[in-house]
Amino acid sequence: MTRDKVLLQLLRNLLEEITEKYDSLLQLKEQQAKEFFNLATKDPLTSLYNRYFFFDFLKASILRIQREKEFGKKIALVFIDIDNFKQVNDLFGHEKGDILLKEIAEFFKREIRKSDIIARFGGDEFVVLFEGIDITKESIKERFERIREEFNDYFKEYQVSFSYGIALFPDEVPNWEDKSISDIQKYLIKLADDRMYKDKLLRKEKNSGGRDGALSSNRGGSR
């Protein structure tokens, strides 16, 4: 083998080694970036999005609707609170409560489209965000009544249910053009939360002798 051929082969080997190291480094960086994203945006217990990511996504959705208001898009924010969750912790312990929360998160993920966002807001509270043109309060309510029936049956062993409230943007936010994004977010959360609590109280009164008769009014305070 001539000297030039030896040098050429050494160069090829060096390039292959550099390429392999670069690919490995790139894969490592991609993995680190993914892990960092999950730490920043996901709830560590349920692997749902956390409240911080939810507020960021809600902000982006509000801005998008403000820019494209001529298309008639809407947001539906649904605030969910698990009923009787405190008694699960009291009867079975917090470890079992954590397992149940994971199962509840998986249940909701199966019921919510991938194009929609569900997040753990805190404790036993969850929030869901829908965005589209054909969104109405009636259609969302019909959907969640069906989901609640399935939920009650799926988790009947634990005697838990859930209450929910719906808030629409821009339909239900007065003078939203003059409000800041932060004020709109707070308004929607409070409106949906108030309606969730009203739903809980109404169901408690209506079903005072049934499985929902012991509906807990500890709004997320069980954890």
N, C-alpha and C. Protein backbone atom coordinates (compact mmCIF):
# COMPACT_ATOMS: atom_id res chain seq x y z
N MET A 1 0.85 -1.19 0.00
CA MET A 1 0.00 0.00 0.00
C MET A 1 0.89 1.25 0.00
N THR A 2 0.62 2.15 -0.92
CA THR A 2 1.44 3.35 -1.01
C THR A 2 1.15 4.28 0.15
N ARG A 3 2.04 5.25 0.34
CA ARG A 3 1.91 6.20 1.44
C ARG A 3 0.61 7.01 1.32
N ASP A 4 0.25 7.40 0.08
CA ASP A 4 -0.98 8.18 -0.12
C ASP A 4 -2.21 7.37 0.26
N LYS A 5 -2.20 6.09 -0.12
CA LYS A 5 -3.34 5.23 0.22
C LYS A 5 -3.46 5.04 1.73
N VAL A 6 -2.33 4.92 2.41
CA VAL A 6 -2.34 4.79 3.88
C VAL A 6 -2.93 6.03 4.52
N LEU A 7 -2.47 7.19 4.04
CA LEU A 7 -2.99 8.46 4.58
C LEU A 7 -4.49 8.60 4.31
N LEU A 8 -4.91 8.19 3.12
CA LEU A 8 -6.34 8.26 2.76
C LEU A 8 -7.17 7.35 3.67
N GLN A 9 -6.67 6.15 3.92
CA GLN A 9 -7.39 5.23 4.79
C GLN A 9 -7.45 5.75 6.22
N LEU A 10 -6.33 6.32 6.69
CA LEU A 10 -6.32 6.91 8.04
C LEU A 10 -7.33 8.06 8.13
N LEU A 11 -7.43 8.86 7.07
CA LEU A 11 -8.38 9.96 7.05
C LEU A 11 -9.82 9.45 7.10
N ARG A 12 -10.09 8.40 6.32
CA ARG A 12 -11.43 7.80 6.33
C ARG A 12 -11.79 7.27 7.72
N ASN A 13 -10.83 6.57 8.34
CA ASN A 13 -11.07 6.04 9.68
C ASN A 13 -11.35 7.16 10.68
N LEU A 14 -10.58 8.26 10.54
CA LEU A 14 -10.75 9.40 11.44
C LEU A 14 -12.13 10.03 11.26
N LEU A 15 -12.54 10.18 9.99
CA LEU A 15 -13.86 10.76 9.70
C LEU A 15 -14.99 9.88 10.24
N GLU A 16 -14.85 8.57 10.08
CA GLU A 16 -15.85 7.64 10.60
C GLU A 16 -15.95 7.75 12.12
N GLU A 17 -14.79 7.85 12.77
CA GLU A 17 -14.76 7.96 14.24
C GLU A 17 -15.42 9.26 14.69
N ILE A 18 -15.11 10.36 13.99
CA ILE A 18 -15.70 11.65 14.33
C ILE A 18 -17.22 11.62 14.13
N THR A 19 -17.65 10.99 13.01
CA THR A 19 -19.07 10.91 12.71
C THR A 19 -19.81 10.10 13.78
N GLU A 20 -19.22 8.97 14.19
CA GLU A 20 -19.84 8.15 15.23
C GLU A 20 -19.94 8.90 16.54
N LYS A 21 -18.87 9.64 16.90
CA LYS A 21 -18.89 10.40 18.15
C LYS A 21 -19.91 11.54 18.08
N TYR A 22 -19.99 12.16 16.90
CA TYR A 22 -20.96 13.25 16.72
C TYR A 22 -22.38 12.73 16.83
N ASP A 23 -22.67 11.57 16.20
CA ASP A 23 -24.00 10.97 16.27
C ASP A 23 -24.35 10.62 17.71
N SER A 24 -23.38 10.06 18.45
CA SER A 24 -23.62 9.70 19.85
C SER A 24 -23.89 10.94 20.69
N LEU A 25 -23.10 11.99 20.43
CA LEU A 25 -23.28 13.25 21.16
C LEU A 25 -24.63 13.87 20.85
N LEU A 26 -25.04 13.81 19.57
CA LEU A 26 -26.32 14.36 19.16
C LEU A 26 -27.47 13.61 19.82
N GLN A 27 -27.38 12.27 19.86
CA GLN A 27 -28.41 11.47 20.52
C GLN A 27 -28.49 11.79 22.01
N LEU A 28 -27.32 11.98 22.63
CA LEU A 28 -27.28 12.32 24.05
C LEU A 28 -27.94 13.68 24.29
N LYS A 29 -27.63 14.65 23.44
CA LYS A 29 -28.22 15.98 23.58
C LYS A 29 -29.73 15.94 23.39
N GLU A 30 -30.18 15.15 22.42
CA GLU A 30 -31.61 15.02 22.17
C GLU A 30 -32.31 14.37 23.36
N GLN A 31 -31.68 13.36 23.95
CA GLN A 31 -32.24 12.70 25.12
C GLN A 31 -32.29 13.66 26.31
N GLN A 32 -31.22 14.42 26.49
CA GLN A 32 -31.18 15.39 27.59
C GLN A 32 -32.24 16.48 27.40
N ALA A 33 -32.42 16.91 26.15
CA ALA A 33 -33.43 17.93 25.87
C ALA A 33 -34.83 17.39 26.16
N LYS A 34 -35.06 16.12 25.80
CA LYS A 34 -36.36 15.50 26.05
C LYS A 34 -36.61 15.36 27.55
N GLU A 35 -35.59 14.95 28.29
CA GLU A 35 -35.73 14.81 29.73
C GLU A 35 -35.98 16.16 30.38
N PHE A 36 -35.29 17.20 29.92
CA PHE A 36 -35.48 18.54 30.47
C PHE A 36 -36.90 19.03 30.17
N PHE A 37 -37.39 18.77 28.94
CA PHE A 37 -38.75 19.18 28.58
C PHE A 37 -39.77 18.49 29.47
N ASN A 38 -39.59 17.20 29.71
CA ASN A 38 -40.52 16.47 30.56
C ASN A 38 -40.50 16.99 32.00
N LEU A 39 -39.31 17.29 32.51
CA LEU A 39 -39.19 17.83 33.86
C LEU A 39 -39.90 19.18 33.97
N ALA A 40 -39.80 19.97 32.92
CA ALA A 40 -40.37 21.32 32.96
C ALA A 40 -41.87 21.34 32.70
N THR A 41 -42.38 20.36 31.98
CA THR A 41 -43.78 20.43 31.53
C THR A 41 -44.69 19.33 32.06
N LYS A 42 -44.13 18.25 32.57
CA LYS A 42 -44.96 17.11 32.98
C LYS A 42 -45.07 16.99 34.50
N ASP A 43 -46.24 16.53 34.94
CA ASP A 43 -46.45 16.21 36.34
C ASP A 43 -45.72 14.91 36.65
N PRO A 44 -44.86 14.88 37.67
CA PRO A 44 -44.04 13.69 37.91
C PRO A 44 -44.82 12.45 38.32
N LEU A 45 -46.00 12.62 38.91
CA LEU A 45 -46.78 11.46 39.35
C LEU A 45 -47.58 10.85 38.21
N THR A 46 -48.33 11.67 37.50
CA THR A 46 -49.28 11.16 36.50
C THR A 46 -48.75 11.20 35.07
N SER A 47 -47.65 11.93 34.85
CA SER A 47 -47.09 12.15 33.50
C SER A 47 -48.01 12.98 32.61
N LEU A 48 -49.06 13.57 33.18
CA LEU A 48 -49.84 14.55 32.43
C LEU A 48 -49.06 15.86 32.41
N TYR A 49 -49.48 16.79 31.56
CA TYR A 49 -48.88 18.12 31.61
C TYR A 49 -49.15 18.75 32.97
N ASN A 50 -48.23 19.61 33.42
CA ASN A 50 -48.44 20.30 34.69
C ASN A 50 -49.15 21.63 34.46
N ARG A 51 -49.48 22.32 35.54
CA ARG A 51 -50.26 23.56 35.44
C ARG A 51 -49.49 24.66 34.72
N TYR A 52 -48.16 24.64 34.83
CA TYR A 52 -47.35 25.68 34.21
C TYR A 52 -47.41 25.56 32.68
N PHE A 53 -47.28 24.33 32.20
CA PHE A 53 -47.41 24.12 30.75
C PHE A 53 -48.82 24.47 30.31
N PHE A 54 -49.81 24.12 31.12
CA PHE A 54 -51.20 24.39 30.76
C PHE A 54 -51.43 25.89 30.58
N PHE A 55 -50.91 26.69 31.50
CA PHE A 55 -51.09 28.14 31.38
C PHE A 55 -50.38 28.68 30.15
N ASP A 56 -49.21 28.13 29.83
CA ASP A 56 -48.50 28.54 28.62
C ASP A 56 -49.31 28.19 27.37
N PHE A 57 -49.88 26.99 27.36
CA PHE A 57 -50.68 26.56 26.21
C PHE A 57 -51.96 27.38 26.11
N LEU A 58 -52.59 27.65 27.26
CA LEU A 58 -53.80 28.46 27.27
C LEU A 58 -53.51 29.87 26.73
N LYS A 59 -52.38 30.43 27.14
CA LYS A 59 -51.97 31.75 26.64
C LYS A 59 -51.83 31.74 25.12
N ALA A 60 -51.15 30.71 24.60
CA ALA A 60 -50.96 30.61 23.16
C ALA A 60 -52.30 30.47 22.44
N SER A 61 -53.22 29.72 23.02
CA SER A 61 -54.54 29.52 22.40
C SER A 61 -55.33 30.83 22.38
N ILE A 62 -55.28 31.57 23.47
CA ILE A 62 -55.98 32.86 23.54
C ILE A 62 -55.43 33.83 22.50
N LEU A 63 -54.10 33.90 22.41
CA LEU A 63 -53.47 34.78 21.42
C LEU A 63 -53.85 34.38 20.00
N ARG A 64 -53.90 33.07 19.76
CA ARG A 64 -54.25 32.58 18.41
C ARG A 64 -55.69 32.98 18.06
N ILE A 65 -56.60 32.86 19.01
CA ILE A 65 -57.99 33.21 18.75
C ILE A 65 -58.15 34.72 18.57
N GLN A 66 -57.38 35.49 19.32
CA GLN A 66 -57.42 36.94 19.16
C GLN A 66 -56.95 37.35 17.77
N ARG A 67 -55.92 36.68 17.27
CA ARG A 67 -55.38 37.00 15.95
C ARG A 67 -56.31 36.55 14.83
N GLU A 68 -57.00 35.42 15.07
CA GLU A 68 -57.81 34.80 14.01
C GLU A 68 -59.29 34.81 14.36
N LYS A 69 -59.73 35.89 15.02
CA LYS A 69 -61.12 35.92 15.51
C LYS A 69 -62.14 35.86 14.38
N GLU A 70 -61.73 36.24 13.16
CA GLU A 70 -62.66 36.19 12.03
C GLU A 70 -63.04 34.76 11.66
N PHE A 71 -62.23 33.77 12.13
CA PHE A 71 -62.53 32.37 11.82
C PHE A 71 -63.52 31.75 12.81
N GLY A 72 -63.83 32.45 13.88
CA GLY A 72 -64.84 31.98 14.82
C GLY A 72 -64.41 30.84 15.73
N LYS A 73 -63.11 30.70 15.96
CA LYS A 73 -62.64 29.64 16.86
C LYS A 73 -62.99 29.97 18.31
N LYS A 74 -63.11 28.91 19.11
CA LYS A 74 -63.43 29.07 20.52
C LYS A 74 -62.56 28.15 21.37
N ILE A 75 -62.49 28.49 22.65
CA ILE A 75 -61.82 27.65 23.64
C ILE A 75 -62.87 27.20 24.65
N ALA A 76 -62.82 25.94 25.01
CA ALA A 76 -63.60 25.43 26.14
C ALA A 76 -62.62 24.93 27.19
N LEU A 77 -62.68 25.53 28.38
CA LEU A 77 -61.84 25.10 29.49
C LEU A 77 -62.72 24.34 30.48
N VAL A 78 -62.33 23.13 30.80
CA VAL A 78 -63.08 22.28 31.72
C VAL A 78 -62.25 22.04 32.97
N PHE A 79 -62.82 22.39 34.12
CA PHE A 79 -62.15 22.20 35.41
C PHE A 79 -62.79 20.98 36.09
N ILE A 80 -61.95 20.01 36.46
CA ILE A 80 -62.42 18.73 37.02
C ILE A 80 -61.88 18.54 38.43
N ASP A 81 -62.76 18.10 39.31
CA ASP A 81 -62.34 17.77 40.68
C ASP A 81 -62.87 16.37 41.02
N ILE A 82 -61.99 15.52 41.53
CA ILE A 82 -62.38 14.15 41.86
C ILE A 82 -63.16 14.12 43.17
N ASP A 83 -64.36 13.56 43.13
CA ASP A 83 -65.20 13.47 44.32
C ASP A 83 -64.81 12.27 45.17
N ASN A 84 -64.81 12.47 46.47
CA ASN A 84 -64.55 11.40 47.46
C ASN A 84 -63.10 10.90 47.43
N PHE A 85 -62.19 11.67 46.85
CA PHE A 85 -60.82 11.20 46.80
C PHE A 85 -60.18 11.16 48.19
N LYS A 86 -60.58 12.07 49.03
CA LYS A 86 -60.02 12.11 50.39
C LYS A 86 -60.27 10.81 51.14
N GLN A 87 -61.46 10.22 50.91
CA GLN A 87 -61.77 8.99 51.63
C GLN A 87 -60.90 7.83 51.15
N VAL A 88 -60.43 7.89 49.90
CA VAL A 88 -59.51 6.86 49.40
C VAL A 88 -58.20 6.95 50.18
N ASN A 89 -57.68 8.17 50.35
CA ASN A 89 -56.47 8.35 51.15
C ASN A 89 -56.67 7.92 52.59
N ASP A 90 -57.83 8.25 53.15
CA ASP A 90 -58.11 7.92 54.55
C ASP A 90 -58.25 6.42 54.77
N LEU A 91 -58.89 5.75 53.81
CA LEU A 91 -59.16 4.32 53.97
C LEU A 91 -57.99 3.43 53.54
N PHE A 92 -57.33 3.82 52.44
CA PHE A 92 -56.32 2.95 51.84
C PHE A 92 -54.89 3.49 51.96
N GLY A 93 -54.76 4.76 52.34
CA GLY A 93 -53.42 5.34 52.46
C GLY A 93 -53.04 6.15 51.23
N HIS A 94 -52.05 7.02 51.38
CA HIS A 94 -51.65 7.91 50.30
C HIS A 94 -50.97 7.17 49.14
N GLU A 95 -50.33 6.06 49.43
CA GLU A 95 -49.69 5.29 48.35
C GLU A 95 -50.74 4.77 47.39
N LYS A 96 -51.84 4.25 47.95
CA LYS A 96 -52.94 3.79 47.11
C LYS A 96 -53.59 4.96 46.39
N GLY A 97 -53.66 6.10 47.09
CA GLY A 97 -54.21 7.30 46.46
C GLY A 97 -53.40 7.72 45.25
N ASP A 98 -52.07 7.62 45.35
CA ASP A 98 -51.22 7.96 44.21
C ASP A 98 -51.45 7.01 43.04
N ILE A 99 -51.59 5.73 43.36
CA ILE A 99 -51.86 4.74 42.30
C ILE A 99 -53.18 5.05 41.61
N LEU A 100 -54.18 5.42 42.41
CA LEU A 100 -55.49 5.76 41.84
C LEU A 100 -55.40 7.00 40.96
N LEU A 101 -54.63 7.99 41.39
CA LEU A 101 -54.47 9.20 40.57
C LEU A 101 -53.85 8.87 39.22
N LYS A 102 -52.87 7.95 39.21
CA LYS A 102 -52.26 7.53 37.95
C LYS A 102 -53.30 6.86 37.05
N GLU A 103 -54.14 6.01 37.65
CA GLU A 103 -55.17 5.32 36.88
C GLU A 103 -56.20 6.32 36.33
N ILE A 104 -56.54 7.31 37.14
CA ILE A 104 -57.47 8.35 36.71
C ILE A 104 -56.88 9.14 35.54
N ALA A 105 -55.60 9.46 35.65
CA ALA A 105 -54.93 10.20 34.57
C ALA A 105 -54.96 9.40 33.28
N GLU A 106 -54.69 8.10 33.37
CA GLU A 106 -54.72 7.24 32.18
C GLU A 106 -56.12 7.17 31.60
N PHE A 107 -57.13 7.12 32.47
CA PHE A 107 -58.51 7.09 32.01
C PHE A 107 -58.84 8.34 31.21
N PHE A 108 -58.49 9.50 31.76
CA PHE A 108 -58.80 10.75 31.06
C PHE A 108 -58.02 10.86 29.75
N LYS A 109 -56.77 10.38 29.73
CA LYS A 109 -55.99 10.44 28.49
C LYS A 109 -56.65 9.62 27.38
N ARG A 110 -57.27 8.51 27.77
CA ARG A 110 -57.95 7.68 26.77
C ARG A 110 -59.20 8.38 26.24
N GLU A 111 -59.82 9.20 27.08
CA GLU A 111 -61.09 9.84 26.72
C GLU A 111 -60.90 11.18 25.99
N ILE A 112 -59.73 11.77 26.14
CA ILE A 112 -59.47 13.08 25.56
C ILE A 112 -58.65 12.91 24.28
N ARG A 113 -59.05 13.61 23.22
CA ARG A 113 -58.33 13.51 21.95
C ARG A 113 -56.90 14.04 22.10
N LYS A 114 -56.02 13.50 21.28
CA LYS A 114 -54.62 13.94 21.33
C LYS A 114 -54.47 15.40 20.95
N SER A 115 -55.41 15.92 20.19
CA SER A 115 -55.35 17.32 19.78
C SER A 115 -55.77 18.26 20.90
N ASP A 116 -56.36 17.72 21.97
CA ASP A 116 -56.76 18.51 23.13
C ASP A 116 -55.73 18.34 24.23
N ILE A 117 -55.79 19.22 25.21
CA ILE A 117 -54.78 19.23 26.27
C ILE A 117 -55.44 18.92 27.61
N ILE A 118 -54.85 17.97 28.35
CA ILE A 118 -55.28 17.70 29.72
C ILE A 118 -54.07 17.82 30.62
N ALA A 119 -54.27 18.44 31.78
CA ALA A 119 -53.18 18.66 32.72
C ALA A 119 -53.67 18.41 34.14
N ARG A 120 -52.73 18.02 35.00
CA ARG A 120 -53.03 17.93 36.42
C ARG A 120 -52.81 19.32 37.01
N PHE A 121 -53.88 19.91 37.52
CA PHE A 121 -53.81 21.28 38.01
C PHE A 121 -53.22 21.32 39.42
N GLY A 122 -53.43 20.24 40.16
CA GLY A 122 -52.92 20.16 41.52
C GLY A 122 -53.79 19.22 42.33
N GLY A 123 -53.18 18.44 43.24
CA GLY A 123 -53.97 17.52 44.06
C GLY A 123 -54.80 16.59 43.21
N ASP A 124 -56.12 16.62 43.45
CA ASP A 124 -57.02 15.78 42.66
C ASP A 124 -57.83 16.62 41.67
N GLU A 125 -57.23 17.69 41.19
CA GLU A 125 -57.87 18.57 40.22
C GLU A 125 -57.18 18.46 38.86
N PHE A 126 -57.99 18.49 37.80
CA PHE A 126 -57.48 18.40 36.44
C PHE A 126 -58.14 19.47 35.59
N VAL A 127 -57.47 19.88 34.53
CA VAL A 127 -58.05 20.84 33.59
C VAL A 127 -57.88 20.31 32.18
N VAL A 128 -58.88 20.57 31.35
CA VAL A 128 -58.85 20.14 29.96
C VAL A 128 -59.13 21.36 29.09
N LEU A 129 -58.43 21.45 27.96
CA LEU A 129 -58.62 22.56 27.05
C LEU A 129 -58.97 22.05 25.66
N PHE A 130 -60.12 22.50 25.16
CA PHE A 130 -60.56 22.17 23.81
C PHE A 130 -60.51 23.45 22.98
N GLU A 131 -60.17 23.30 21.71
CA GLU A 131 -60.13 24.46 20.81
C GLU A 131 -60.71 24.05 19.47
N GLY A 132 -61.60 24.88 18.92
CA GLY A 132 -62.18 24.56 17.63
C GLY A 132 -63.27 25.53 17.24
N ILE A 133 -63.86 25.30 16.08
CA ILE A 133 -64.92 26.19 15.57
C ILE A 133 -66.29 25.76 16.07
N ASP A 134 -66.50 24.45 16.17
CA ASP A 134 -67.83 23.92 16.48
C ASP A 134 -68.03 23.65 17.96
N ILE A 135 -67.27 24.31 18.83
CA ILE A 135 -67.38 24.06 20.27
C ILE A 135 -68.57 24.80 20.86
N THR A 136 -69.41 24.09 21.60
CA THR A 136 -70.50 24.69 22.36
C THR A 136 -70.49 24.11 23.76
N LYS A 137 -71.09 24.85 24.70
CA LYS A 137 -71.15 24.35 26.07
C LYS A 137 -71.98 23.07 26.12
N GLU A 138 -73.02 23.00 25.30
CA GLU A 138 -73.89 21.82 25.30
C GLU A 138 -73.14 20.58 24.82
N SER A 139 -72.33 20.73 23.78
CA SER A 139 -71.61 19.57 23.25
C SER A 139 -70.55 19.08 24.24
N ILE A 140 -69.88 20.01 24.92
CA ILE A 140 -68.89 19.62 25.92
C ILE A 140 -69.57 18.97 27.11
N LYS A 141 -70.70 19.52 27.53
CA LYS A 141 -71.44 18.95 28.66
C LYS A 141 -71.92 17.53 28.33
N GLU A 142 -72.45 17.35 27.14
CA GLU A 142 -72.91 16.01 26.72
C GLU A 142 -71.76 15.02 26.74
N ARG A 143 -70.61 15.47 26.29
CA ARG A 143 -69.44 14.59 26.25
C ARG A 143 -68.99 14.20 27.66
N PHE A 144 -68.98 15.17 28.57
CA PHE A 144 -68.50 14.88 29.92
C PHE A 144 -69.53 14.12 30.77
N GLU A 145 -70.79 14.25 30.44
CA GLU A 145 -71.78 13.42 31.13
C GLU A 145 -71.55 11.95 30.77
N ARG A 146 -71.24 11.71 29.50
CA ARG A 146 -70.94 10.34 29.08
C ARG A 146 -69.65 9.84 29.73
N ILE A 147 -68.63 10.69 29.74
CA ILE A 147 -67.36 10.31 30.37
C ILE A 147 -67.56 10.02 31.85
N ARG A 148 -68.40 10.80 32.51
CA ARG A 148 -68.61 10.59 33.94
C ARG A 148 -69.31 9.26 34.21
N GLU A 149 -70.24 8.89 33.37
CA GLU A 149 -70.89 7.59 33.53
C GLU A 149 -69.86 6.47 33.43
N GLU A 150 -68.99 6.55 32.44
CA GLU A 150 -67.95 5.53 32.27
C GLU A 150 -66.97 5.56 33.44
N PHE A 151 -66.65 6.75 33.89
CA PHE A 151 -65.73 6.92 35.02
C PHE A 151 -66.31 6.26 36.28
N ASN A 152 -67.58 6.53 36.57
CA ASN A 152 -68.22 5.97 37.77
C ASN A 152 -68.20 4.44 37.74
N ASP A 153 -68.44 3.90 36.57
CA ASP A 153 -68.44 2.44 36.44
C ASP A 153 -67.02 1.88 36.55
N TYR A 154 -66.07 2.56 35.93
CA TYR A 154 -64.68 2.08 35.91
C TYR A 154 -64.06 2.09 37.31
N PHE A 155 -64.41 3.12 38.09
CA PHE A 155 -63.80 3.27 39.42
C PHE A 155 -64.79 3.00 40.55
N LYS A 156 -65.81 2.16 40.28
CA LYS A 156 -66.82 1.90 41.29
C LYS A 156 -66.25 1.22 42.53
N GLU A 157 -65.13 0.52 42.39
CA GLU A 157 -64.48 -0.13 43.54
C GLU A 157 -64.10 0.90 44.60
N TYR A 158 -63.73 2.11 44.15
CA TYR A 158 -63.28 3.15 45.08
C TYR A 158 -64.39 4.14 45.44
N GLN A 159 -65.55 4.00 44.79
CA GLN A 159 -66.67 4.90 45.04
C GLN A 159 -66.29 6.37 44.81
N VAL A 160 -65.56 6.62 43.76
CA VAL A 160 -65.21 7.99 43.40
C VAL A 160 -65.94 8.39 42.13
N SER A 161 -66.16 9.68 41.99
CA SER A 161 -66.75 10.24 40.79
C SER A 161 -65.99 11.54 40.50
N PHE A 162 -66.55 12.41 39.66
CA PHE A 162 -65.92 13.71 39.49
C PHE A 162 -66.98 14.76 39.18
N SER A 163 -66.68 15.99 39.56
CA SER A 163 -67.50 17.15 39.23
C SER A 163 -66.72 18.00 38.25
N TYR A 164 -67.43 18.75 37.43
CA TYR A 164 -66.73 19.55 36.43
C TYR A 164 -67.48 20.85 36.16
N GLY A 165 -66.75 21.83 35.65
CA GLY A 165 -67.33 23.09 35.23
C GLY A 165 -66.71 23.52 33.92
N ILE A 166 -67.49 24.19 33.09
CA ILE A 166 -67.06 24.58 31.74
C ILE A 166 -67.08 26.10 31.61
N ALA A 167 -66.05 26.65 30.98
CA ALA A 167 -66.00 28.08 30.65
C ALA A 167 -65.54 28.23 29.21
N LEU A 168 -66.20 29.12 28.47
CA LEU A 168 -65.89 29.33 27.06
C LEU A 168 -65.23 30.69 26.82
N PHE A 169 -64.28 30.68 25.91
CA PHE A 169 -63.67 31.93 25.44
C PHE A 169 -63.78 31.96 23.92
N PRO A 170 -64.20 33.09 23.34
CA PRO A 170 -64.42 34.39 23.99
C PRO A 170 -65.84 34.64 24.47
N ASP A 171 -66.75 33.70 24.24
CA ASP A 171 -68.18 33.92 24.49
C ASP A 171 -68.50 34.41 25.89
N GLU A 172 -67.80 33.87 26.89
CA GLU A 172 -68.19 34.13 28.28
C GLU A 172 -67.22 35.05 29.03
N VAL A 173 -66.38 35.72 28.29
CA VAL A 173 -65.45 36.67 28.93
C VAL A 173 -65.84 38.08 28.47
N PRO A 174 -66.51 38.85 29.34
CA PRO A 174 -66.95 40.19 28.94
C PRO A 174 -65.78 41.13 28.68
N ASN A 175 -65.90 41.93 27.62
CA ASN A 175 -64.88 42.93 27.28
C ASN A 175 -63.48 42.32 27.18
N TRP A 176 -63.40 41.14 26.58
CA TRP A 176 -62.11 40.44 26.56
C TRP A 176 -61.06 41.18 25.74
N GLU A 177 -61.50 42.02 24.81
CA GLU A 177 -60.54 42.77 24.00
C GLU A 177 -59.72 43.74 24.85
N ASP A 178 -60.30 44.17 25.98
CA ASP A 178 -59.63 45.14 26.84
C ASP A 178 -58.88 44.48 28.00
N LYS A 179 -58.94 43.15 28.09
CA LYS A 179 -58.30 42.44 29.20
C LYS A 179 -56.92 41.92 28.79
N SER A 180 -56.05 41.80 29.77
CA SER A 180 -54.75 41.19 29.52
C SER A 180 -54.91 39.68 29.42
N ILE A 181 -53.91 39.02 28.85
CA ILE A 181 -53.96 37.56 28.75
C ILE A 181 -54.07 36.94 30.13
N SER A 182 -53.31 37.46 31.08
CA SER A 182 -53.33 36.94 32.45
C SER A 182 -54.72 37.06 33.07
N ASP A 183 -55.38 38.20 32.85
CA ASP A 183 -56.73 38.40 33.40
C ASP A 183 -57.74 37.45 32.76
N ILE A 184 -57.59 37.22 31.47
CA ILE A 184 -58.48 36.27 30.78
C ILE A 184 -58.28 34.86 31.33
N GLN A 185 -57.03 34.47 31.53
CA GLN A 185 -56.75 33.15 32.09
C GLN A 185 -57.39 33.00 33.47
N LYS A 186 -57.18 33.98 34.33
CA LYS A 186 -57.74 33.92 35.68
C LYS A 186 -59.26 33.87 35.65
N TYR A 187 -59.86 34.65 34.75
CA TYR A 187 -61.31 34.68 34.65
C TYR A 187 -61.86 33.32 34.24
N LEU A 188 -61.23 32.71 33.23
CA LEU A 188 -61.70 31.40 32.75
C LEU A 188 -61.55 30.33 33.82
N ILE A 189 -60.41 30.31 34.50
CA ILE A 189 -60.19 29.32 35.56
C ILE A 189 -61.21 29.47 36.67
N LYS A 190 -61.42 30.71 37.10
CA LYS A 190 -62.36 30.95 38.20
C LYS A 190 -63.79 30.59 37.80
N LEU A 191 -64.17 30.95 36.58
CA LEU A 191 -65.53 30.64 36.11
C LEU A 191 -65.75 29.14 36.06
N ALA A 192 -64.79 28.41 35.48
CA ALA A 192 -64.92 26.95 35.39
C ALA A 192 -64.87 26.31 36.78
N ASP A 193 -64.03 26.81 37.65
CA ASP A 193 -63.92 26.29 39.01
C ASP A 193 -65.21 26.53 39.79
N ASP A 194 -65.78 27.72 39.68
CA ASP A 194 -67.04 28.02 40.37
C ASP A 194 -68.16 27.11 39.88
N ARG A 195 -68.19 26.87 38.58
CA ARG A 195 -69.23 26.00 38.02
C ARG A 195 -69.01 24.55 38.42
N MET A 196 -67.76 24.15 38.55
CA MET A 196 -67.46 22.79 39.04
C MET A 196 -68.00 22.62 40.45
N TYR A 197 -67.76 23.60 41.30
CA TYR A 197 -68.22 23.51 42.68
C TYR A 197 -69.74 23.50 42.75
N LYS A 198 -70.38 24.28 41.89
CA LYS A 198 -71.84 24.28 41.83
C LYS A 198 -72.36 22.91 41.40
N ASP A 199 -71.69 22.31 40.42
CA ASP A 199 -72.05 20.96 39.96
C ASP A 199 -71.93 19.96 41.10
N LYS A 200 -70.86 20.10 41.89
CA LYS A 200 -70.65 19.19 43.03
C LYS A 200 -71.78 19.31 44.06
N LEU A 201 -72.16 20.55 44.38
CA LEU A 201 -73.20 20.78 45.37
C LEU A 201 -74.57 20.31 44.88
N LEU A 202 -74.87 20.57 43.61
CA LEU A 202 -76.15 20.14 43.05
C LEU A 202 -76.27 18.62 43.04
N ARG A 203 -75.21 17.95 42.69
CA ARG A 203 -75.23 16.48 42.66
C ARG A 203 -75.31 15.91 44.08
N LYS A 204 -74.69 16.60 45.01
CA LYS A 204 -74.76 16.16 46.41
C LYS A 204 -76.19 16.26 46.92
N GLU A 205 -76.86 17.35 46.58
CA GLU A 205 -78.24 17.53 47.02
C GLU A 205 -79.17 16.53 46.31
N LYS A 206 -78.95 16.34 45.02
CA LYS A 206 -79.81 15.46 44.23
C LYS A 206 -79.65 14.01 44.62
N ASN A 207 -78.44 13.61 44.96
CA ASN A 207 -78.16 12.20 45.24
C ASN A 207 -77.77 11.97 46.70
N SER A 208 -78.44 12.67 47.60
CA SER A 208 -78.06 12.62 49.02
C SER A 208 -78.13 11.22 49.60
N GLY A 209 -78.89 10.34 48.95
CA GLY A 209 -78.98 8.99 49.48
C GLY A 209 -78.23 7.96 48.66
N GLY A 210 -77.56 8.42 47.57
CA GLY A 210 -76.88 7.48 46.68
C GLY A 210 -75.38 7.54 46.81
N ARG A 211 -74.69 7.01 45.81
CA ARG A 211 -73.23 6.91 45.87
C ARG A 211 -72.60 8.28 45.84
N ASP A 212 -73.30 9.27 45.23
CA ASP A 212 -72.75 10.61 45.18
C ASP A 212 -73.16 11.42 46.39
N GLY A 213 -73.86 10.80 47.33
CA GLY A 213 -74.32 11.51 48.49
C GLY A 213 -73.19 11.95 49.39
N ALA A 214 -72.05 11.29 49.29
CA ALA A 214 -70.93 11.65 50.14
C ALA A 214 -69.90 12.47 49.40
N LEU A 215 -70.37 13.18 48.36
CA LEU A 215 -69.43 13.96 47.55
C LEU A 215 -68.62 14.90 48.42
N SER A 216 -67.33 14.82 48.26
CA SER A 216 -66.45 15.64 49.05
C SER A 216 -66.41 17.06 48.51
N SER A 217 -66.47 18.04 49.40
CA SER A 217 -66.36 19.43 48.98
C SER A 217 -64.98 19.99 49.28
N ASN A 218 -64.02 19.07 49.59
CA ASN A 218 -62.63 19.49 49.81
C ASN A 218 -61.99 19.69 48.44
N ARG A 219 -62.03 20.90 47.94
CA ARG A 219 -61.66 21.19 46.55
C ARG A 219 -60.16 21.12 46.38
N GLY A 220 -59.67 19.90 46.14
CA GLY A 220 -58.25 19.72 45.91
C GLY A 220 -57.44 19.70 47.19
N GLY A 221 -58.10 19.75 48.33
CA GLY A 221 -57.37 19.82 49.57
C GLY A 221 -57.06 18.48 50.19
N SER A 222 -57.30 17.41 49.44
CA SER A 222 -57.11 16.07 50.00
C SER A 222 -55.68 15.63 49.90
N ARG A 223 -54.85 16.38 49.14
CA ARG A 223 -53.47 15.94 48.97
C ARG A 223 -52.51 17.02 49.39
